[in-house]
C-alpha atoms as a PDB file:
ATOM      1  CA  MET A   1      15.584   9.318   0.256  1.00  0.00           C
ATOM      2  CA  THR A   2      14.318   8.980  -3.310  1.00  0.00           C
ATOM      3  CA  SER A   3      13.931  12.298  -5.114  1.00  0.00           C
ATOM      4  CA  ALA A   4      10.392  13.615  -5.230  1.00  0.00           C
ATOM      5  CA  PRO A   5       8.291  15.213  -7.933  1.00  0.00           C
ATOM      6  CA  GLY A   6       8.104  18.979  -7.621  1.00  0.00           C
ATOM      7  CA  SER A   7       5.227  21.013  -6.261  1.00  0.00           C
ATOM      8  CA  THR A   8       3.637  24.112  -7.773  1.00  0.00           C
ATOM      9  CA  THR A   9       3.579  25.743  -4.336  1.00  0.00           C
ATOM     10  CA  SER A  10       6.311  28.375  -4.023  1.00  0.00           C
ATOM     11  CA  PRO A  11       8.502  28.535  -0.881  1.00  0.00           C
ATOM     12  CA  GLU A  12       7.085  31.976  -0.134  1.00  0.00           C
ATOM     13  CA  ARG A  13       3.493  30.732  -0.206  1.00  0.00           C
ATOM     14  CA  ALA A  14       4.370  27.641   1.864  1.00  0.00           C
ATOM     15  CA  SER A  15       5.939  29.865   4.518  1.00  0.00           C
ATOM     16  CA  ALA A  16       3.060  32.314   4.504  1.00  0.00           C
ATOM     17  CA  ALA A  17       0.493  29.496   4.698  1.00  0.00           C
ATOM     18  CA  VAL A  18       1.353  28.550   8.285  1.00  0.00           C
ATOM     19  CA  GLY A  19      -0.362  30.322  11.130  1.00  0.00           C
ATOM     20  CA  GLY A  20       2.576  30.949  13.482  1.00  0.00           C
ATOM     21  CA  ALA A  21       5.625  33.165  13.111  1.00  0.00           C
ATOM     22  CA  LYS A  22       7.810  32.522  10.098  1.00  0.00           C
ATOM     23  CA  GLY A  23       9.749  29.320  10.615  1.00  0.00           C
ATOM     24  CA  THR A  24       7.508  28.149  13.453  1.00  0.00           C
ATOM     25  CA  VAL A  25       4.547  25.776  13.164  1.00  0.00           C
ATOM     26  CA  ASP A  26       2.236  24.156  15.697  1.00  0.00           C
ATOM     27  CA  PHE A  27       1.153  20.592  14.994  1.00  0.00           C
ATOM     28  CA  ALA A  28      -1.462  18.191  16.315  1.00  0.00           C
ATOM     29  CA  MET A  29      -1.631  14.405  15.860  1.00  0.00           C
ATOM     30  CA  THR A  30      -4.531  12.015  15.359  1.00  0.00           C
ATOM     31  CA  MET A  31      -4.472   8.244  14.792  1.00  0.00           C
ATOM     32  CA  SER A  32      -5.805   5.026  16.280  1.00  0.00           C
ATOM     33  CA  PRO A  33      -4.553   3.371  18.330  1.00  0.00           C
ATOM     34  CA  PRO A  34      -2.576   6.282  19.840  1.00  0.00           C
ATOM     35  CA  GLU A  35       0.332   3.884  20.474  1.00  0.00           C
ATOM     36  CA  LEU A  36       0.901   3.835  16.713  1.00  0.00           C
ATOM     37  CA  ALA A  37       2.714   7.166  17.041  1.00  0.00           C
ATOM     38  CA  ALA A  38       5.563   5.531  18.977  1.00  0.00           C
ATOM     39  CA  HIS A  39       6.114   3.080  16.109  1.00  0.00           C
ATOM     40  CA  LEU A  40       6.075   5.905  13.580  1.00  0.00           C
ATOM     41  CA  PHE A  41       8.180   8.507  15.370  1.00  0.00           C
ATOM     42  CA  GLY A  42       9.944   6.750  18.258  1.00  0.00           C
ATOM     43  CA  THR A  43       8.891   6.235  21.853  1.00  0.00           C
ATOM     44  CA  GLY A  44       9.479   9.904  22.687  1.00  0.00           C
ATOM     45  CA  PHE A  45       8.414  11.124  19.217  1.00  0.00           C
ATOM     46  CA  GLU A  46      12.066  11.980  18.647  1.00  0.00           C
ATOM     47  CA  ALA A  47      11.635  12.013  14.853  1.00  0.00           C
ATOM     48  CA  LEU A  48       9.372  15.057  15.286  1.00  0.00           C
ATOM     49  CA  ARG A  49      11.850  17.047  17.371  1.00  0.00           C
ATOM     50  CA  ILE A  50      12.424  19.657  14.716  1.00  0.00           C
ATOM     51  CA  ASP A  51      13.504  23.213  15.465  1.00  0.00           C
ATOM     52  CA  GLY A  52      10.466  25.387  14.856  1.00  0.00           C
ATOM     53  CA  ALA A  53       7.911  22.548  15.078  1.00  0.00           C
ATOM     54  CA  ARG A  54       5.887  22.672  18.302  1.00  0.00           C
ATOM     55  CA  PRO A  55       3.616  19.800  19.416  1.00  0.00           C
ATOM     56  CA  LEU A  56       0.287  20.929  20.889  1.00  0.00           C
ATOM     57  CA  HIS A  57      -0.221  17.757  22.948  1.00  0.00           C
ATOM     58  CA  THR A  58       1.658  14.616  23.962  1.00  0.00           C
ATOM     59  CA  VAL A  59      -0.831  11.817  23.122  1.00  0.00           C
ATOM     60  CA  PRO A  60      -2.454  11.524  19.666  1.00  0.00           C
ATOM     61  CA  PHE A  61      -6.195  12.101  19.581  1.00  0.00           C
ATOM     62  CA  THR A  62      -8.546   9.410  18.286  1.00  0.00           C
ATOM     63  CA  THR A  63     -11.510  11.795  17.981  1.00  0.00           C
ATOM     64  CA  PHE A  64     -12.087  15.497  17.521  1.00  0.00           C
ATOM     65  CA  GLU A  65     -14.995  15.466  19.966  1.00  0.00           C
ATOM     66  CA  HIS A  66     -12.804  15.764  23.068  1.00  0.00           C
ATOM     67  CA  PRO A  67     -12.423  19.371  24.302  1.00  0.00           C
ATOM     68  CA  ASP A  68      -8.615  19.066  24.365  1.00  0.00           C
ATOM     69  CA  ALA A  69      -8.641  17.880  20.744  1.00  0.00           C
ATOM     70  CA  ARG A  70     -10.798  20.821  19.703  1.00  0.00           C
ATOM     71  CA  ARG A  71      -8.483  23.277  21.410  1.00  0.00           C
ATOM     72  CA  ALA A  72      -5.462  21.737  19.675  1.00  0.00           C
ATOM     73  CA  LEU A  73      -7.235  21.815  16.318  1.00  0.00           C
ATOM     74  CA  GLU A  74      -7.986  25.522  16.781  1.00  0.00           C
ATOM     75  CA  ARG A  75      -4.264  26.269  17.072  1.00  0.00           C
ATOM     76  CA  ALA A  76      -2.805  23.705  14.641  1.00  0.00           C
ATOM     77  CA  ASP A  77      -0.998  24.724  11.466  1.00  0.00           C
ATOM     78  CA  VAL A  78      -0.275  21.069  10.642  1.00  0.00           C
ATOM     79  CA  LEU A  79      -2.245  17.902  11.364  1.00  0.00           C
ATOM     80  CA  ILE A  80      -0.215  14.674  11.421  1.00  0.00           C
ATOM     81  CA  THR A  81      -2.356  11.602  10.786  1.00  0.00           C
ATOM     82  CA  ALA A  82      -2.139   7.876  10.147  1.00  0.00           C
ATOM     83  CA  TRP A  83      -4.508   4.957   9.687  1.00  0.00           C
ATOM     84  CA  GLY A  84      -7.349   4.889  12.185  1.00  0.00           C
ATOM     85  CA  ALA A  85      -7.556   8.683  12.161  1.00  0.00           C
ATOM     86  CA  PRO A  86     -11.054  10.221  12.261  1.00  0.00           C
ATOM     87  CA  ARG A  87     -12.345  12.069   9.213  1.00  0.00           C
ATOM     88  CA  LEU A  88     -12.549  15.831   9.427  1.00  0.00           C
ATOM     89  CA  SER A  89     -15.893  17.473   8.790  1.00  0.00           C
ATOM     90  CA  ASP A  90     -16.567  20.999   7.543  1.00  0.00           C
ATOM     91  CA  ALA A  91     -17.455  21.869  11.135  1.00  0.00           C
ATOM     92  CA  ASP A  92     -14.044  20.592  12.282  1.00  0.00           C
ATOM     93  CA  LEU A  93     -12.294  22.736   9.672  1.00  0.00           C
ATOM     94  CA  ASP A  94     -14.386  25.734  10.682  1.00  0.00           C
ATOM     95  CA  ARG A  95     -12.824  25.323  14.138  1.00  0.00           C
ATOM     96  CA  ALA A  96      -9.324  25.071  12.614  1.00  0.00           C
ATOM     97  CA  PRO A  97      -8.712  28.449  10.939  1.00  0.00           C
ATOM     98  CA  ARG A  98      -4.925  28.027  10.908  1.00  0.00           C
ATOM     99  CA  LEU A  99      -4.792  24.502   9.499  1.00  0.00           C
ATOM    100  CA  ARG A 100      -2.931  24.437   6.185  1.00  0.00           C
ATOM    101  CA  TYR A 101      -1.293  21.011   6.017  1.00  0.00           C
ATOM    102  CA  LEU A 102      -2.342  17.405   6.574  1.00  0.00           C
ATOM    103  CA  LEU A 103       0.543  14.921   6.625  1.00  0.00           C
ATOM    104  CA  TYR A 104      -0.600  11.312   6.317  1.00  0.00           C
ATOM    105  CA  ALA A 105       1.655   8.370   7.213  1.00  0.00           C
ATOM    106  CA  GLY A 106      -0.114   6.092   4.756  1.00  0.00           C
ATOM    107  CA  GLY A 107      -1.411   5.782   1.228  1.00  0.00           C
ATOM    108  CA  GLN A 108      -4.064   8.472   0.785  1.00  0.00           C
ATOM    109  CA  GLY A 109      -4.712  11.395   3.094  1.00  0.00           C
ATOM    110  CA  ALA A 110      -7.392  13.170   1.064  1.00  0.00           C
ATOM    111  CA  ILE A 111     -10.014  10.668   2.216  1.00  0.00           C
ATOM    112  CA  LEU A 112      -9.839  12.268   5.685  1.00  0.00           C
ATOM    113  CA  LEU A 113     -10.917  15.670   4.383  1.00  0.00           C
ATOM    114  CA  PRO A 114     -14.233  17.103   3.180  1.00  0.00           C
ATOM    115  CA  GLU A 115     -14.608  18.511  -0.335  1.00  0.00           C
ATOM    116  CA  SER A 116     -14.093  22.059   0.946  1.00  0.00           C
ATOM    117  CA  ALA A 117     -10.438  21.341   1.853  1.00  0.00           C
ATOM    118  CA  ARG A 118      -9.130  22.494  -1.525  1.00  0.00           C
ATOM    119  CA  GLU A 119     -11.010  25.810  -1.311  1.00  0.00           C
ATOM    120  CA  ARG A 120      -9.671  26.318   2.199  1.00  0.00           C
ATOM    121  CA  GLY A 121      -6.118  26.016   0.889  1.00  0.00           C
ATOM    122  CA  ILE A 122      -5.221  22.839   2.774  1.00  0.00           C
ATOM    123  CA  GLN A 123      -2.320  20.874   1.323  1.00  0.00           C
ATOM    124  CA  VAL A 124      -1.853  17.120   1.794  1.00  0.00           C
ATOM    125  CA  SER A 125       1.168  14.831   1.671  1.00  0.00           C
ATOM    126  CA  ASN A 126       1.092  11.044   1.958  1.00  0.00           C
ATOM    127  CA  ALA A 127       3.626   8.227   2.306  1.00  0.00           C
ATOM    128  CA  GLY A 128       2.011   5.898  -0.218  1.00  0.00           C
ATOM    129  CA  TRP A 129       5.189   5.517  -2.255  1.00  0.00           C
ATOM    130  CA  LEU A 130       7.017   4.263   0.838  1.00  0.00           C
ATOM    131  CA  ASN A 131       4.236   1.852   1.804  1.00  0.00           C
ATOM    132  CA  ALA A 132       4.522   0.393  -1.700  1.00  0.00           C
ATOM    133  CA  ILE A 133       8.045  -0.859  -0.966  1.00  0.00           C
ATOM    134  CA  PRO A 134       7.218  -3.618   1.590  1.00  0.00           C
ATOM    135  CA  VAL A 135       4.194  -4.719  -0.457  1.00  0.00           C
ATOM    136  CA  ALA A 136       6.426  -5.144  -3.502  1.00  0.00           C
ATOM    137  CA  GLU A 137       9.089  -6.951  -1.452  1.00  0.00           C
ATOM    138  CA  PHE A 138       6.462  -9.337  -0.061  1.00  0.00           C
ATOM    139  CA  THR A 139       5.155  -9.960  -3.575  1.00  0.00           C
ATOM    140  CA  VAL A 140       8.576 -10.701  -5.032  1.00  0.00           C
ATOM    141  CA  ALA A 141       9.316 -13.115  -2.182  1.00  0.00           C
ATOM    142  CA  MET A 142       6.046 -14.927  -2.870  1.00  0.00           C
ATOM    143  CA  ILE A 143       6.810 -15.108  -6.594  1.00  0.00           C
ATOM    144  CA  VAL A 144      10.187 -16.721  -5.917  1.00  0.00           C
ATOM    145  CA  LEU A 145       8.742 -19.217  -3.416  1.00  0.00           C
ATOM    146  CA  ALA A 146       5.753 -20.064  -5.599  1.00  0.00           C
ATOM    147  CA  ASN A 147       7.937 -20.786  -8.615  1.00  0.00           C
ATOM    148  CA  LYS A 148      10.134 -22.988  -6.395  1.00  0.00           C
ATOM    149  CA  ARG A 149       6.939 -24.828  -5.358  1.00  0.00           C
ATOM    150  CA  ALA A 150       7.959 -24.141  -1.752  1.00  0.00           C
ATOM    151  CA  PHE A 151       4.413 -24.235  -0.356  1.00  0.00           C
ATOM    152  CA  GLU A 152       3.559 -27.507  -2.096  1.00  0.00           C
ATOM    153  CA  ALA A 153       6.896 -28.990  -1.014  1.00  0.00           C
ATOM    154  CA  ASN A 154       6.199 -27.973   2.580  1.00  0.00           C
ATOM    155  CA  ARG A 155       2.850 -29.772   2.521  1.00  0.00           C
ATOM    156  CA  MET A 156       4.380 -32.875   0.969  1.00  0.00           C
ATOM    157  CA  TYR A 157       7.264 -32.990   3.456  1.00  0.00           C
ATOM    158  CA  ARG A 158       4.948 -32.613   6.449  1.00  0.00           C
ATOM    159  CA  ARG A 159       2.720 -35.377   5.111  1.00  0.00           C
ATOM    160  CA  ARG A 160       5.435 -37.910   4.130  1.00  0.00           C
ATOM    161  CA  ARG A 161       8.102 -37.114   6.746  1.00  0.00           C
ATOM    162  CA  ALA A 162      10.673 -38.734   4.494  1.00  0.00           C
ATOM    163  CA  ARG A 163      13.162 -37.784   1.789  1.00  0.00           C
ATOM    164  CA  ILE A 164      11.659 -35.882  -1.133  1.00  0.00           C
ATOM    165  CA  ASP A 165      13.292 -36.337  -4.540  1.00  0.00           C
ATOM    166  CA  ARG A 166      12.833 -32.815  -5.843  1.00  0.00           C
ATOM    167  CA  GLU A 167      13.782 -33.654  -9.443  1.00  0.00           C
ATOM    168  CA  ILE A 168      11.136 -36.387  -9.563  1.00  0.00           C
ATOM    169  CA  GLU A 169       8.430 -34.575  -7.591  1.00  0.00           C
ATOM    170  CA  PHE A 170       8.946 -31.056  -8.946  1.00  0.00           C
ATOM    171  CA  PRO A 171      10.373 -31.263 -12.469  1.00  0.00           C
ATOM    172  CA  ARG A 172       8.969 -27.826 -13.434  1.00  0.00           C
ATOM    173  CA  ALA A 173       9.935 -26.008 -10.243  1.00  0.00           C
ATOM    174  CA  GLY A 174      12.303 -23.053 -10.363  1.00  0.00           C
ATOM    175  CA  ASN A 175      12.368 -19.437 -11.456  1.00  0.00           C
ATOM    176  CA  ARG A 176      14.436 -19.776 -14.629  1.00  0.00           C
ATOM    177  CA  GLY A 177      12.327 -19.143 -17.708  1.00  0.00           C
ATOM    178  CA  LYS A 178       9.016 -18.738 -15.866  1.00  0.00           C
ATOM    179  CA  THR A 179       6.449 -16.125 -16.840  1.00  0.00           C
ATOM    180  CA  VAL A 180       5.095 -13.607 -14.346  1.00  0.00           C
ATOM    181  CA  GLY A 181       1.989 -11.613 -15.222  1.00  0.00           C
ATOM    182  CA  VAL A 182       1.631  -8.263 -13.433  1.00  0.00           C
ATOM    183  CA  VAL A 183      -1.862  -6.775 -13.402  1.00  0.00           C
ATOM    184  CA  GLY A 184      -1.660  -3.022 -12.851  1.00  0.00           C
ATOM    185  CA  ALA A 185       1.288  -0.666 -13.425  1.00  0.00           C
ATOM    186  CA  SER A 186       0.674   1.029 -10.070  1.00  0.00           C
ATOM    187  CA  ARG A 187       3.456   2.184  -7.767  1.00  0.00           C
ATOM    188  CA  ILE A 188       3.584  -1.316  -6.299  1.00  0.00           C
ATOM    189  CA  GLY A 189       3.374  -3.008  -9.690  1.00  0.00           C
ATOM    190  CA  ARG A 190       6.274  -0.952 -10.981  1.00  0.00           C
ATOM    191  CA  ILE A 191       8.465  -1.709  -7.958  1.00  0.00           C
ATOM    192  CA  VAL A 192       7.693  -5.422  -8.382  1.00  0.00           C
ATOM    193  CA  ILE A 193       8.832  -5.197 -12.015  1.00  0.00           C
ATOM    194  CA  GLU A 194      11.975  -3.339 -10.964  1.00  0.00           C
ATOM    195  CA  ARG A 195      12.828  -5.927  -8.279  1.00  0.00           C
ATOM    196  CA  LEU A 196      12.338  -8.799 -10.746  1.00  0.00           C
ATOM    197  CA  ARG A 197      14.964  -7.378 -13.099  1.00  0.00           C
ATOM    198  CA  GLY A 198      18.093  -9.476 -13.174  1.00  0.00           C
ATOM    199  CA  MET A 199      16.109 -12.671 -12.612  1.00  0.00           C
ATOM    200  CA  ASP A 200      15.708 -15.041 -15.546  1.00  0.00           C
ATOM    201  CA  LEU A 201      11.977 -14.394 -15.804  1.00  0.00           C
ATOM    202  CA  ASN A 202       9.633 -13.298 -18.549  1.00  0.00           C
ATOM    203  CA  VAL A 203       7.527 -10.420 -17.164  1.00  0.00           C
ATOM    204  CA  GLN A 204       4.330  -9.298 -18.898  1.00  0.00           C
ATOM    205  CA  ILE A 205       1.760  -6.723 -17.884  1.00  0.00           C
ATOM    206  CA  TYR A 206      -1.860  -5.747 -18.233  1.00  0.00           C
ATOM    207  CA  ASP A 207      -2.763  -2.117 -17.696  1.00  0.00           C
ATOM    208  CA  PRO A 208      -5.177  -0.342 -20.052  1.00  0.00           C
ATOM    209  CA  PHE A 209      -3.530   3.018 -19.273  1.00  0.00           C
ATOM    210  CA  LEU A 210       0.044   1.919 -20.016  1.00  0.00           C
ATOM    211  CA  ASP A 211       1.281   2.798 -23.491  1.00  0.00           C
ATOM    212  CA  ALA A 212       3.762   0.741 -25.503  1.00  0.00           C
ATOM    213  CA  ALA A 213       6.630   3.188 -24.963  1.00  0.00           C
ATOM    214  CA  GLU A 214       6.281   3.063 -21.180  1.00  0.00           C
ATOM    215  CA  ALA A 215       5.984  -0.735 -21.245  1.00  0.00           C
ATOM    216  CA  ALA A 216       9.214  -0.867 -23.230  1.00  0.00           C
ATOM    217  CA  ARG A 217      10.896   1.433 -20.706  1.00  0.00           C
ATOM    218  CA  LEU A 218       9.790  -0.917 -17.914  1.00  0.00           C
ATOM    219  CA  GLY A 219      11.064  -3.891 -19.924  1.00  0.00           C
ATOM    220  CA  VAL A 220       7.748  -5.760 -19.901  1.00  0.00           C
ATOM    221  CA  THR A 221       5.424  -7.164 -22.540  1.00  0.00           C
ATOM    222  CA  PRO A 222       1.931  -5.583 -22.587  1.00  0.00           C
ATOM    223  CA  LEU A 223      -0.945  -8.004 -23.104  1.00  0.00           C
ATOM    224  CA  ALA A 224      -4.708  -8.107 -22.903  1.00  0.00           C
ATOM    225  CA  LEU A 225      -5.896  -9.445 -19.551  1.00  0.00           C
ATOM    226  CA  ASP A 226      -7.208 -12.741 -20.945  1.00  0.00           C
ATOM    227  CA  GLU A 227      -3.920 -13.364 -22.769  1.00  0.00           C
ATOM    228  CA  LEU A 228      -1.939 -12.603 -19.618  1.00  0.00           C
ATOM    229  CA  MET A 229      -4.026 -14.983 -17.512  1.00  0.00           C
ATOM    230  CA  ARG A 230      -3.706 -17.733 -20.104  1.00  0.00           C
ATOM    231  CA  SER A 231       0.074 -17.488 -20.467  1.00  0.00           C
ATOM    232  CA  SER A 232       1.405 -16.758 -16.940  1.00  0.00           C
ATOM    233  CA  ASP A 233       2.831 -19.164 -14.371  1.00  0.00           C
ATOM    234  CA  ILE A 234       2.311 -16.485 -11.702  1.00  0.00           C
ATOM    235  CA  VAL A 235      -0.272 -13.693 -11.804  1.00  0.00           C
ATOM    236  CA  THR A 236       0.138 -10.900  -9.254  1.00  0.00           C
ATOM    237  CA  LEU A 237      -2.556  -8.251  -8.767  1.00  0.00           C
ATOM    238  CA  HIS A 238      -1.741  -4.561  -8.199  1.00  0.00           C
ATOM    239  CA  PRO A 239      -4.587  -2.379  -9.504  1.00  0.00           C
ATOM    240  CA  PRO A 240      -6.316   0.166  -7.249  1.00  0.00           C
ATOM    241  CA  LEU A 241      -9.812  -0.752  -6.123  1.00  0.00           C
ATOM    242  CA  ASN A 242     -12.463   1.341  -7.854  1.00  0.00           C
ATOM    243  CA  THR A 243     -15.705   0.856  -9.753  1.00  0.00           C
ATOM    244  CA  SER A 244     -13.890  -0.400 -12.855  1.00  0.00           C
ATOM    245  CA  THR A 245     -11.602  -2.883 -11.059  1.00  0.00           C
ATOM    246  CA  ALA A 246     -13.982  -4.379  -8.470  1.00  0.00           C
ATOM    247  CA  GLY A 247     -14.549  -7.997  -9.455  1.00  0.00           C
ATOM    248  CA  MET A 248     -12.302  -7.667 -12.500  1.00  0.00           C
ATOM    249  CA  ILE A 249     -10.801 -11.141 -11.973  1.00  0.00           C
ATOM    250  CA  THR A 250     -13.859 -13.150 -12.996  1.00  0.00           C
ATOM    251  CA  ALA A 251     -14.637 -16.849 -13.120  1.00  0.00           C
ATOM    252  CA  GLU A 252     -13.927 -16.812 -16.854  1.00  0.00           C
ATOM    253  CA  LEU A 253     -10.480 -15.307 -16.341  1.00  0.00           C
ATOM    254  CA  LEU A 254      -9.625 -17.663 -13.470  1.00  0.00           C
ATOM    255  CA  ALA A 255     -10.498 -20.606 -15.716  1.00  0.00           C
ATOM    256  CA  LEU A 256      -7.837 -19.420 -18.182  1.00  0.00           C
ATOM    257  CA  LEU A 257      -4.991 -19.880 -15.682  1.00  0.00           C
ATOM    258  CA  PRO A 258      -2.774 -22.841 -16.583  1.00  0.00           C
ATOM    259  CA  ASP A 259      -2.832 -25.886 -14.335  1.00  0.00           C
ATOM    260  CA  GLY A 260      -0.378 -25.304 -11.486  1.00  0.00           C
ATOM    261  CA  ALA A 261      -0.434 -21.504 -11.829  1.00  0.00           C
ATOM    262  CA  THR A 262      -0.395 -19.274  -8.749  1.00  0.00           C
ATOM    263  CA  LEU A 263      -2.533 -16.190  -8.190  1.00  0.00           C
ATOM    264  CA  ILE A 264      -1.139 -13.578  -5.762  1.00  0.00           C
ATOM    265  CA  ASN A 265      -3.313 -10.807  -4.337  1.00  0.00           C
ATOM    266  CA  THR A 266      -1.834  -8.026  -2.209  1.00  0.00           C
ATOM    267  CA  SER A 267      -4.180  -5.353  -3.606  1.00  0.00           C
ATOM    268  CA  ARG A 268      -7.742  -5.587  -2.272  1.00  0.00           C
ATOM    269  CA  GLY A 269      -9.911  -8.655  -1.854  1.00  0.00           C
ATOM    270  CA  ALA A 270     -12.724  -7.184  -3.935  1.00  0.00           C
ATOM    271  CA  ILE A 271     -10.520  -7.184  -7.056  1.00  0.00           C
ATOM    272  CA  ILE A 272     -11.366 -10.906  -7.365  1.00  0.00           C
ATOM    273  CA  ASP A 273     -14.724 -12.625  -7.627  1.00  0.00           C
ATOM    274  CA  GLN A 274     -14.036 -14.558  -4.414  1.00  0.00           C
ATOM    275  CA  THR A 275     -16.862 -17.045  -4.921  1.00  0.00           C
ATOM    276  CA  ALA A 276     -15.428 -17.949  -8.323  1.00  0.00           C
ATOM    277  CA  LEU A 277     -11.949 -18.185  -6.827  1.00  0.00           C
ATOM    278  CA  LEU A 278     -13.169 -20.607  -4.174  1.00  0.00           C
ATOM    279  CA  ASP A 279     -14.763 -22.776  -6.860  1.00  0.00           C
ATOM    280  CA  GLU A 280     -11.480 -22.853  -8.782  1.00  0.00           C
ATOM    281  CA  LEU A 281      -9.384 -23.559  -5.679  1.00  0.00           C
ATOM    282  CA  ARG A 282     -11.586 -26.466  -4.622  1.00  0.00           C
ATOM    283  CA  THR A 283     -10.501 -28.312  -7.768  1.00  0.00           C
ATOM    284  CA  GLY A 284      -6.865 -28.123  -6.637  1.00  0.00           C
ATOM    285  CA  ARG A 285      -5.923 -26.984 -10.138  1.00  0.00           C
ATOM    286  CA  ILE A 286      -4.283 -23.684  -9.105  1.00  0.00           C
ATOM    287  CA  GLU A 287      -2.675 -22.168  -6.013  1.00  0.00           C
ATOM    288  CA  ALA A 288      -3.432 -18.827  -4.363  1.00  0.00           C
ATOM    289  CA  ILE A 289      -1.435 -16.505  -2.117  1.00  0.00           C
ATOM    290  CA  LEU A 290      -3.917 -14.128  -0.502  1.00  0.00           C
ATOM    291  CA  ASP A 291      -2.917 -11.276   1.771  1.00  0.00           C
ATOM    292  CA  VAL A 292      -6.320  -9.610   1.301  1.00  0.00           C
ATOM    293  CA  THR A 293      -9.844 -11.023   1.199  1.00  0.00           C
ATOM    294  CA  VAL A 294     -13.510 -10.052   1.352  1.00  0.00           C
ATOM    295  CA  PRO A 295     -14.277  -9.362   4.115  1.00  0.00           C
ATOM    296  CA  GLU A 296     -10.893  -8.226   5.409  1.00  0.00           C
ATOM    297  CA  VAL A 297     -11.220 -10.717   8.304  1.00  0.00           C
ATOM    298  CA  LEU A 298     -12.801 -13.879   6.998  1.00  0.00           C
ATOM    299  CA  PRO A 299     -15.556 -15.731   8.881  1.00  0.00           C
ATOM    300  CA  ARG A 300     -14.191 -18.500  11.074  1.00  0.00           C
ATOM    301  CA  ASP A 301     -15.771 -21.151   8.839  1.00  0.00           C
ATOM    302  CA  SER A 302     -14.271 -19.858   5.574  1.00  0.00           C
ATOM    303  CA  GLU A 303     -12.697 -22.583   3.430  1.00  0.00           C
ATOM    304  CA  LEU A 304      -9.806 -20.263   2.636  1.00  0.00           C
ATOM    305  CA  TYR A 305      -8.398 -21.075   6.091  1.00  0.00           C
ATOM    306  CA  THR A 306      -8.259 -24.800   5.357  1.00  0.00           C
ATOM    307  CA  LEU A 307      -7.779 -25.312   1.624  1.00  0.00           C
ATOM    308  CA  PRO A 308      -4.282 -26.799   1.220  1.00  0.00           C
ATOM    309  CA  ASN A 309      -3.529 -24.825  -1.948  1.00  0.00           C
ATOM    310  CA  VAL A 310      -4.088 -21.433  -0.272  1.00  0.00           C
ATOM    311  CA  PHE A 311      -1.368 -19.488   1.537  1.00  0.00           C
ATOM    312  CA  LEU A 312      -3.331 -16.990   3.605  1.00  0.00           C
ATOM    313  CA  THR A 313      -1.899 -14.041   5.543  1.00  0.00           C
ATOM    314  CA  PRO A 314      -3.719 -11.298   7.544  1.00  0.00           C
ATOM    315  CA  HIS A 315      -2.864  -8.272   5.362  1.00  0.00           C
ATOM    316  CA  ILE A 316       0.799  -8.143   6.387  1.00  0.00           C
ATOM    317  CA  SER A 317       2.342  -7.123   3.075  1.00  0.00           C
ATOM    318  CA  GLY A 318       2.100  -3.406   3.867  1.00  0.00           C
ATOM    319  CA  SER A 319       4.328  -1.607   6.352  1.00  0.00           C
ATOM    320  CA  MET A 320       4.567  -3.396   9.696  1.00  0.00           C
ATOM    321  CA  GLY A 321       6.999  -3.613  12.589  1.00  0.00           C
ATOM    322  CA  THR A 322      10.290  -1.913  11.757  1.00  0.00           C
ATOM    323  CA  GLU A 323       8.965  -0.775   8.369  1.00  0.00           C
ATOM    324  CA  ILE A 324       6.489   1.617  10.003  1.00  0.00           C
ATOM    325  CA  ARG A 325       9.321   3.916  11.144  1.00  0.00           C
ATOM    326  CA  ARG A 326      10.099   4.601   7.476  1.00  0.00           C
ATOM    327  CA  LEU A 327       6.651   6.214   7.124  1.00  0.00           C
ATOM    328  CA  GLY A 328       7.203   8.331  10.226  1.00  0.00           C
ATOM    329  CA  GLU A 329      10.535   9.574   8.924  1.00  0.00           C
ATOM    330  CA  HIS A 330       8.810  10.625   5.716  1.00  0.00           C
ATOM    331  CA  VAL A 331       6.237  12.653   7.669  1.00  0.00           C
ATOM    332  CA  ALA A 332       9.002  14.253   9.732  1.00  0.00           C
ATOM    333  CA  THR A 333      10.820  15.256   6.539  1.00  0.00           C
ATOM    334  CA  GLU A 334       7.680  16.916   5.183  1.00  0.00           C
ATOM    335  CA  LEU A 335       7.136  18.714   8.511  1.00  0.00           C
ATOM    336  CA  GLU A 336      10.684  20.054   8.376  1.00  0.00           C
ATOM    337  CA  ARG A 337      10.091  21.335   4.834  1.00  0.00           C
ATOM    338  CA  ILE A 338       7.048  23.258   6.066  1.00  0.00           C
ATOM    339  CA  VAL A 339       9.082  24.809   8.899  1.00  0.00           C
ATOM    340  CA  LEU A 340      11.733  25.849   6.368  1.00  0.00           C
ATOM    341  CA  GLY A 341       9.125  27.393   4.089  1.00  0.00           C
ATOM    342  CA  GLN A 342       9.701  24.810   1.357  1.00  0.00           C
ATOM    343  CA  PRO A 343       6.991  23.118  -0.746  1.00  0.00           C
ATOM    344  CA  LEU A 344       5.899  19.594   0.123  1.00  0.00           C
ATOM    345  CA  ALA A 345       8.051  16.954  -1.523  1.00  0.00           C
ATOM    346  CA  PHE A 346       5.125  14.598  -2.114  1.00  0.00           C
ATOM    347  CA  PRO A 347       1.946  16.650  -2.508  1.00  0.00           C
ATOM    348  CA  GLU A 348      -1.302  14.733  -2.925  1.00  0.00           C
ATOM    349  CA  GLU A 349      -3.836  16.226  -5.297  1.00  0.00           C
ATOM    350  CA  LEU A 350      -7.184  16.948  -3.674  1.00  0.00           C
ATOM    351  CA  PRO A 351     -10.401  16.146  -5.536  1.00  0.00           C
END
């Protein structure tokens, strides 16, 4: 497993923070659907069979309103969660005097906790860095296929049902010498850059928080966003969604994309002005690979389902199938560290 940044929590404090005897912790689980736990930890939760870690129940809770869930919460030192988990209220934490750790098998666990969690001494760990890996792999695969004009070639072959002369039809296809613009030096953005190394590509980046020295270390060229849009064959979006990034890809920026360029979005649908994107796609001038949209599930009559220059997927770039077990193994590793009285390997800062 990749080495982790250190924590300021000492081993002594981590050991003392749990409610049971030293080296023994009781844990509860909450997620929805409950069957998700089998994908994360194995059908018999074998990944969580750790000496000194005691499960308080056998089926994950989907709510804290059930009496059995409340009883488990009262005794839990550790709460193991994943997507679909209910948020904890101050009243829930009042009923959980021993709770000191929340381990989240996803990107951000703090959103499940009220503001008082920090004062109560609750520590959080998430698996966001691991979930970034399949998103980056998906993105790199799409970059390679888009530069090869694979989606356009597929449409042409289905339509003609005859030999396609690729040199005549696709004289600019291929990855050699193409320019990829990465928007956002996030965990995913950085893994994408890393995976593109060794390919004969020019990689440039827009991130207002990335300094020149770090860009040089990553081996990318920093540009203003308008310059990046104007000069990239592929633009791939990886910023977090917040008040400053919502709608950041505007009609004006989309108009700067060169004819034949491809826009890839595996971040959040709201990063793009989707109405403006639809207007641009209707012209057939650019292509789009969209794993996320607004809303998350599009209306049945959305044009994005039928436009030929759109490759649309139902938010599959993140961990799915066999990749989910990787997240569960991360949680199990953090649980074992707690049992051993060690600090969390991947602590998440609480607001």
